[in-house]
C-alpha atoms as a PDB file:
ATOM      1  CA  MET A   1      14.804  17.907  36.941  1.00  0.00           C
ATOM      2  CA  LYS A   2      13.443  14.598  38.283  1.00  0.00           C
ATOM      3  CA  THR A   3       9.938  15.821  37.546  1.00  0.00           C
ATOM      4  CA  LEU A   4      10.863  16.585  33.928  1.00  0.00           C
ATOM      5  CA  PHE A   5      12.363  13.096  33.435  1.00  0.00           C
ATOM      6  CA  ALA A   6       9.329  11.480  35.071  1.00  0.00           C
ATOM      7  CA  PHE A   7       7.014  13.468  32.780  1.00  0.00           C
ATOM      8  CA  LEU A   8       9.017  12.568  29.661  1.00  0.00           C
ATOM      9  CA  PHE A   9       9.072   8.886  30.653  1.00  0.00           C
ATOM     10  CA  LEU A  10       5.317   8.886  31.224  1.00  0.00           C
ATOM     11  CA  LEU A  11       4.704  10.675  27.927  1.00  0.00           C
ATOM     12  CA  THR A  12       6.906   8.362  25.850  1.00  0.00           C
ATOM     13  CA  SER A  13       5.570   5.215  27.508  1.00  0.00           C
ATOM     14  CA  GLN A  14       2.020   6.190  26.580  1.00  0.00           C
ATOM     15  CA  LEU A  15       2.782   6.864  22.927  1.00  0.00           C
ATOM     16  CA  SER A  16       1.905   3.879  20.799  1.00  0.00           C
ATOM     17  CA  MET A  17       4.400   2.361  18.437  1.00  0.00           C
ATOM     18  CA  GLU A  18       3.704   2.612  14.741  1.00  0.00           C
ATOM     19  CA  PRO A  19       2.247  -0.641  13.427  1.00  0.00           C
ATOM     20  CA  ILE A  20       4.732  -2.782  11.554  1.00  0.00           C
ATOM     21  CA  THR A  21       3.801  -4.853   8.551  1.00  0.00           C
ATOM     22  CA  LEU A  22       5.001  -8.430   8.783  1.00  0.00           C
ATOM     23  CA  PHE A  23       3.736  -9.216   5.297  1.00  0.00           C
ATOM     24  CA  ASP A  24       1.748  -7.393   2.617  1.00  0.00           C
ATOM     25  CA  PHE A  25       0.442  -9.776  -0.029  1.00  0.00           C
ATOM     26  CA  ASN A  26       0.329  -8.475  -3.598  1.00  0.00           C
ATOM     27  CA  LYS A  27       1.165  -9.621  -7.120  1.00  0.00           C
ATOM     28  CA  ASP A  28       4.816  -8.573  -6.743  1.00  0.00           C
ATOM     29  CA  CYS A  29       5.544  -9.987  -3.279  1.00  0.00           C
ATOM     30  CA  ASP A  30       8.205 -12.615  -2.653  1.00  0.00           C
ATOM     31  CA  LEU A  31       6.936 -15.842  -1.064  1.00  0.00           C
ATOM     32  CA  SER A  32      10.389 -17.432  -0.788  1.00  0.00           C
ATOM     33  CA  ASN A  33      10.397 -17.270   3.046  1.00  0.00           C
ATOM     34  CA  TRP A  34       6.997 -18.992   3.211  1.00  0.00           C
ATOM     35  CA  TYR A  35       6.841 -22.765   3.114  1.00  0.00           C
ATOM     36  CA  VAL A  36       4.237 -25.502   3.501  1.00  0.00           C
ATOM     37  CA  MET A  37       4.630 -28.135   6.191  1.00  0.00           C
ATOM     38  CA  ASP A  38       2.007 -30.879   6.162  1.00  0.00           C
ATOM     39  CA  ASP A  39       1.584 -34.070   8.141  1.00  0.00           C
ATOM     40  CA  VAL A  40       3.586 -35.904   5.444  1.00  0.00           C
ATOM     41  CA  VAL A  41       6.612 -35.247   7.675  1.00  0.00           C
ATOM     42  CA  MET A  42       5.048 -37.893   9.969  1.00  0.00           C
ATOM     43  CA  GLY A  43       3.637 -40.189   7.260  1.00  0.00           C
ATOM     44  CA  GLY A  44       0.301 -38.408   6.699  1.00  0.00           C
ATOM     45  CA  ARG A  45      -1.300 -37.571   3.377  1.00  0.00           C
ATOM     46  CA  SER A  46      -2.527 -33.965   3.723  1.00  0.00           C
ATOM     47  CA  ASP A  47      -1.722 -31.613   0.856  1.00  0.00           C
ATOM     48  CA  GLY A  48      -1.431 -27.865   1.426  1.00  0.00           C
ATOM     49  CA  ASN A  49      -0.412 -25.294  -1.192  1.00  0.00           C
ATOM     50  CA  PHE A  50       0.472 -21.606  -1.000  1.00  0.00           C
ATOM     51  CA  GLN A  51       0.623 -19.064  -3.826  1.00  0.00           C
ATOM     52  CA  ILE A  52      -0.377 -15.570  -4.855  1.00  0.00           C
ATOM     53  CA  ASN A  53      -3.733 -15.701  -6.637  1.00  0.00           C
ATOM     54  CA  GLU A  54      -4.729 -13.643  -9.697  1.00  0.00           C
ATOM     55  CA  ASP A  55      -6.075 -10.852  -7.440  1.00  0.00           C
ATOM     56  CA  GLY A  56      -2.768 -10.530  -5.575  1.00  0.00           C
ATOM     57  CA  TYR A  57      -3.828 -12.236  -2.330  1.00  0.00           C
ATOM     58  CA  GLY A  58      -1.939 -14.976  -0.568  1.00  0.00           C
ATOM     59  CA  MET A  59      -3.930 -18.171  -1.085  1.00  0.00           C
ATOM     60  CA  TYR A  60      -3.430 -21.140   1.235  1.00  0.00           C
ATOM     61  CA  TYR A  61      -5.513 -24.099   0.125  1.00  0.00           C
ATOM     62  CA  GLY A  62      -5.606 -27.865  -0.008  1.00  0.00           C
ATOM     63  CA  LYS A  63      -6.958 -30.961   1.696  1.00  0.00           C
ATOM     64  CA  VAL A  64      -6.443 -32.352   5.160  1.00  0.00           C
ATOM     65  CA  SER A  65      -6.332 -36.148   5.235  1.00  0.00           C
ATOM     66  CA  LEU A  66      -6.602 -38.425   8.266  1.00  0.00           C
ATOM     67  CA  GLU A  67      -4.878 -41.300   6.446  1.00  0.00           C
ATOM     68  CA  ASN A  68      -1.728 -42.743   8.068  1.00  0.00           C
ATOM     69  CA  ASN A  69      -2.394 -40.829  11.323  1.00  0.00           C
ATOM     70  CA  GLY A  70      -2.360 -37.502   9.455  1.00  0.00           C
ATOM     71  CA  GLY A  71      -4.574 -34.552  10.117  1.00  0.00           C
ATOM     72  CA  PHE A  72      -2.896 -31.178   9.596  1.00  0.00           C
ATOM     73  CA  SER A  73      -1.507 -28.751   7.076  1.00  0.00           C
ATOM     74  CA  SER A  74       0.429 -25.569   7.822  1.00  0.00           C
ATOM     75  CA  ILE A  75       2.256 -22.696   6.209  1.00  0.00           C
ATOM     76  CA  ARG A  76       5.155 -20.977   7.929  1.00  0.00           C
ATOM     77  CA  TYR A  77       6.968 -17.708   7.420  1.00  0.00           C
ATOM     78  CA  ARG A  78      10.490 -17.103   8.668  1.00  0.00           C
ATOM     79  CA  LEU A  79      11.434 -13.572   9.657  1.00  0.00           C
ATOM     80  CA  ASN A  80      14.682 -12.099  10.816  1.00  0.00           C
ATOM     81  CA  ASN A  81      14.506 -12.255  14.601  1.00  0.00           C
ATOM     82  CA  GLN A  82      12.574  -9.145  15.614  1.00  0.00           C
ATOM     83  CA  ASN A  83      12.154  -7.489  18.979  1.00  0.00           C
ATOM     84  CA  ILE A  84       8.380  -7.076  19.311  1.00  0.00           C
ATOM     85  CA  SER A  85       8.177  -6.133  23.000  1.00  0.00           C
ATOM     86  CA  ALA A  86       6.455  -2.829  22.148  1.00  0.00           C
ATOM     87  CA  TYR A  87       3.510  -4.583  20.433  1.00  0.00           C
ATOM     88  CA  THR A  88       0.447  -6.268  21.901  1.00  0.00           C
ATOM     89  CA  THR A  89      -1.686  -7.372  18.950  1.00  0.00           C
ATOM     90  CA  CYS A  90      -1.309  -9.110  15.613  1.00  0.00           C
ATOM     91  CA  LYS A  91      -3.909  -8.089  13.040  1.00  0.00           C
ATOM     92  CA  ILE A  92      -4.572 -10.169   9.948  1.00  0.00           C
ATOM     93  CA  ARG A  93      -6.872  -9.236   7.091  1.00  0.00           C
ATOM     94  CA  LEU A  94      -8.129 -12.481   5.630  1.00  0.00           C
ATOM     95  CA  LYS A  95     -11.008 -14.297   4.034  1.00  0.00           C
ATOM     96  CA  GLY A  96     -11.633 -17.832   5.196  1.00  0.00           C
ATOM     97  CA  ASP A  97     -14.031 -20.610   4.425  1.00  0.00           C
ATOM     98  CA  GLY A  98     -15.900 -20.771   7.743  1.00  0.00           C
ATOM     99  CA  LYS A  99     -13.414 -23.223   9.250  1.00  0.00           C
ATOM    100  CA  LYS A 100     -11.264 -23.007  12.381  1.00  0.00           C
ATOM    101  CA  TYR A 101      -7.532 -22.261  12.036  1.00  0.00           C
ATOM    102  CA  GLN A 102      -4.592 -21.637  14.324  1.00  0.00           C
ATOM    103  CA  PHE A 103      -2.246 -18.673  14.205  1.00  0.00           C
ATOM    104  CA  ARG A 104       1.141 -19.683  15.602  1.00  0.00           C
ATOM    105  CA  THR A 105       4.315 -17.873  16.606  1.00  0.00           C
ATOM    106  CA  LYS A 106       7.799 -18.899  17.636  1.00  0.00           C
ATOM    107  CA  SER A 107      10.303 -16.731  19.461  1.00  0.00           C
ATOM    108  CA  GLU A 108      13.062 -18.702  17.761  1.00  0.00           C
ATOM    109  CA  ALA A 109      12.446 -20.669  14.579  1.00  0.00           C
ATOM    110  CA  TYR A 110      14.001 -23.848  15.954  1.00  0.00           C
ATOM    111  CA  ASP A 111      11.997 -23.928  19.197  1.00  0.00           C
ATOM    112  CA  ARG A 112      10.051 -27.175  19.400  1.00  0.00           C
ATOM    113  CA  HIS A 113       6.953 -25.508  20.805  1.00  0.00           C
ATOM    114  CA  SER A 114       4.755 -22.843  19.252  1.00  0.00           C
ATOM    115  CA  TYR A 115       2.432 -20.294  20.805  1.00  0.00           C
ATOM    116  CA  ILE A 116      -1.105 -20.722  19.520  1.00  0.00           C
ATOM    117  CA  TYR A 117      -4.270 -18.684  19.047  1.00  0.00           C
ATOM    118  CA  GLN A 118      -7.302 -20.358  17.476  1.00  0.00           C
ATOM    119  CA  PHE A 119      -9.769 -18.417  15.357  1.00  0.00           C
ATOM    120  CA  GLU A 120     -12.766 -19.225  13.232  1.00  0.00           C
ATOM    121  CA  THR A 121     -13.332 -17.604   9.863  1.00  0.00           C
ATOM    122  CA  SER A 122     -16.653 -16.174   8.688  1.00  0.00           C
ATOM    123  CA  GLY A 123     -16.441 -16.732   4.929  1.00  0.00           C
ATOM    124  CA  GLU A 124     -16.158 -12.957   4.400  1.00  0.00           C
ATOM    125  CA  TRP A 125     -13.217 -10.551   4.394  1.00  0.00           C
ATOM    126  CA  GLU A 126     -12.457  -9.681   8.015  1.00  0.00           C
ATOM    127  CA  THR A 127      -9.662  -8.455  10.251  1.00  0.00           C
ATOM    128  CA  ILE A 128      -8.706 -10.889  12.986  1.00  0.00           C
ATOM    129  CA  SER A 129      -7.151  -9.264  16.087  1.00  0.00           C
ATOM    130  CA  ILE A 130      -4.955 -11.588  18.113  1.00  0.00           C
ATOM    131  CA  PRO A 131      -3.859 -10.525  21.609  1.00  0.00           C
ATOM    132  CA  LEU A 132      -0.282 -11.824  21.624  1.00  0.00           C
ATOM    133  CA  SER A 133      -0.140 -12.333  25.399  1.00  0.00           C
ATOM    134  CA  GLU A 134      -3.081 -14.777  25.178  1.00  0.00           C
ATOM    135  CA  MET A 135      -1.219 -17.190  22.902  1.00  0.00           C
ATOM    136  CA  TYR A 136      -0.580 -20.439  24.785  1.00  0.00           C
ATOM    137  CA  PRO A 137       2.387 -22.807  24.351  1.00  0.00           C
ATOM    138  CA  SER A 138       1.818 -26.123  22.612  1.00  0.00           C
ATOM    139  CA  TRP A 139       3.842 -28.961  21.126  1.00  0.00           C
ATOM    140  CA  ARG A 140       2.350 -31.678  18.921  1.00  0.00           C
ATOM    141  CA  GLY A 141      -1.179 -30.670  19.861  1.00  0.00           C
ATOM    142  CA  ARG A 142      -0.592 -30.705  23.607  1.00  0.00           C
ATOM    143  CA  LYS A 143      -0.824 -27.595  25.748  1.00  0.00           C
ATOM    144  CA  LEU A 144       2.381 -27.157  27.731  1.00  0.00           C
ATOM    145  CA  ASP A 145       2.732 -26.169  31.374  1.00  0.00           C
ATOM    146  CA  MET A 146       4.649 -22.958  30.719  1.00  0.00           C
ATOM    147  CA  PRO A 147       3.754 -19.263  30.556  1.00  0.00           C
ATOM    148  CA  ASN A 148       1.938 -17.771  27.551  1.00  0.00           C
ATOM    149  CA  TYR A 149       3.861 -16.088  24.744  1.00  0.00           C
ATOM    150  CA  PRO A 150       6.369 -13.658  26.309  1.00  0.00           C
ATOM    151  CA  VAL A 151       5.943 -11.162  23.405  1.00  0.00           C
ATOM    152  CA  GLU A 152       9.633 -10.296  23.246  1.00  0.00           C
ATOM    153  CA  GLN A 153      11.081 -11.894  20.118  1.00  0.00           C
ATOM    154  CA  LEU A 154       9.479 -13.151  16.917  1.00  0.00           C
ATOM    155  CA  GLU A 155      11.209 -15.333  14.341  1.00  0.00           C
ATOM    156  CA  GLU A 156       8.376 -17.364  12.799  1.00  0.00           C
ATOM    157  CA  ILE A 157       4.650 -17.094  12.196  1.00  0.00           C
ATOM    158  CA  ALA A 158       2.446 -19.888  10.921  1.00  0.00           C
ATOM    159  CA  PHE A 159      -1.128 -20.845  10.086  1.00  0.00           C
ATOM    160  CA  LEU A 160      -2.353 -24.366  10.684  1.00  0.00           C
ATOM    161  CA  ILE A 161      -5.546 -26.272   9.998  1.00  0.00           C
ATOM    162  CA  GLY A 162      -6.094 -29.488  11.930  1.00  0.00           C
ATOM    163  CA  ASN A 163      -9.705 -29.944  12.966  1.00  0.00           C
ATOM    164  CA  LYS A 164      -9.524 -33.742  13.413  1.00  0.00           C
ATOM    165  CA  LYS A 165     -11.445 -34.364  10.200  1.00  0.00           C
ATOM    166  CA  ALA A 166     -10.753 -34.810   6.519  1.00  0.00           C
ATOM    167  CA  GLU A 167     -11.637 -31.569   4.754  1.00  0.00           C
ATOM    168  CA  SER A 168     -10.756 -29.174   1.963  1.00  0.00           C
ATOM    169  CA  PHE A 169      -9.757 -25.641   2.952  1.00  0.00           C
ATOM    170  CA  GLU A 170      -8.980 -22.209   1.522  1.00  0.00           C
ATOM    171  CA  LEU A 171      -7.707 -19.130   3.319  1.00  0.00           C
ATOM    172  CA  LEU A 172      -6.900 -15.814   1.564  1.00  0.00           C
ATOM    173  CA  PHE A 173      -4.550 -13.210   3.069  1.00  0.00           C
ATOM    174  CA  ASP A 174      -4.279  -9.485   2.394  1.00  0.00           C
ATOM    175  CA  TRP A 175      -1.825  -8.360   5.118  1.00  0.00           C
ATOM    176  CA  ILE A 176      -0.398  -9.174   8.553  1.00  0.00           C
ATOM    177  CA  THR A 177       0.647  -6.418  10.994  1.00  0.00           C
ATOM    178  CA  LEU A 178       1.729  -5.925  14.593  1.00  0.00           C
ATOM    179  CA  GLU A 179       0.235  -3.090  16.621  1.00  0.00           C
END
């Protein structure tokens, strides 16, 4: 009997979980849980916007300003707290503008720190694969002396641009999944 349980445990632990869709952008999707947070919260002058474009893609665009000690724009999406311990990777189908962005997560929406993964876009449609366990903790641009993302709970995802220069940006999204 022990052998049967050991076999069943081994078999079930090797089966992969079905991917889950965190967000599928289309003309009918609801963006009410997405919001823009720019450096204006600290006196800056950056201006980010988020909407569904005429093709049904999520479109995050705007200008980053360095005025008044500014320098970033972000969009955030609040989820119901989800157990994600069975997943290892976040995949995002997007089209960028050749600039560097950050993908961010929070285990709890009101945590001060975020877990960060930086990626550079190619200017073409592409699928970015983010190994969740490689996301490092950061607060206000400083890497923290704590373990990487524990990949247990997920309550918020975000995208941020803050390349220490004034620049326009545009990032299109098709979907975001966990695998």
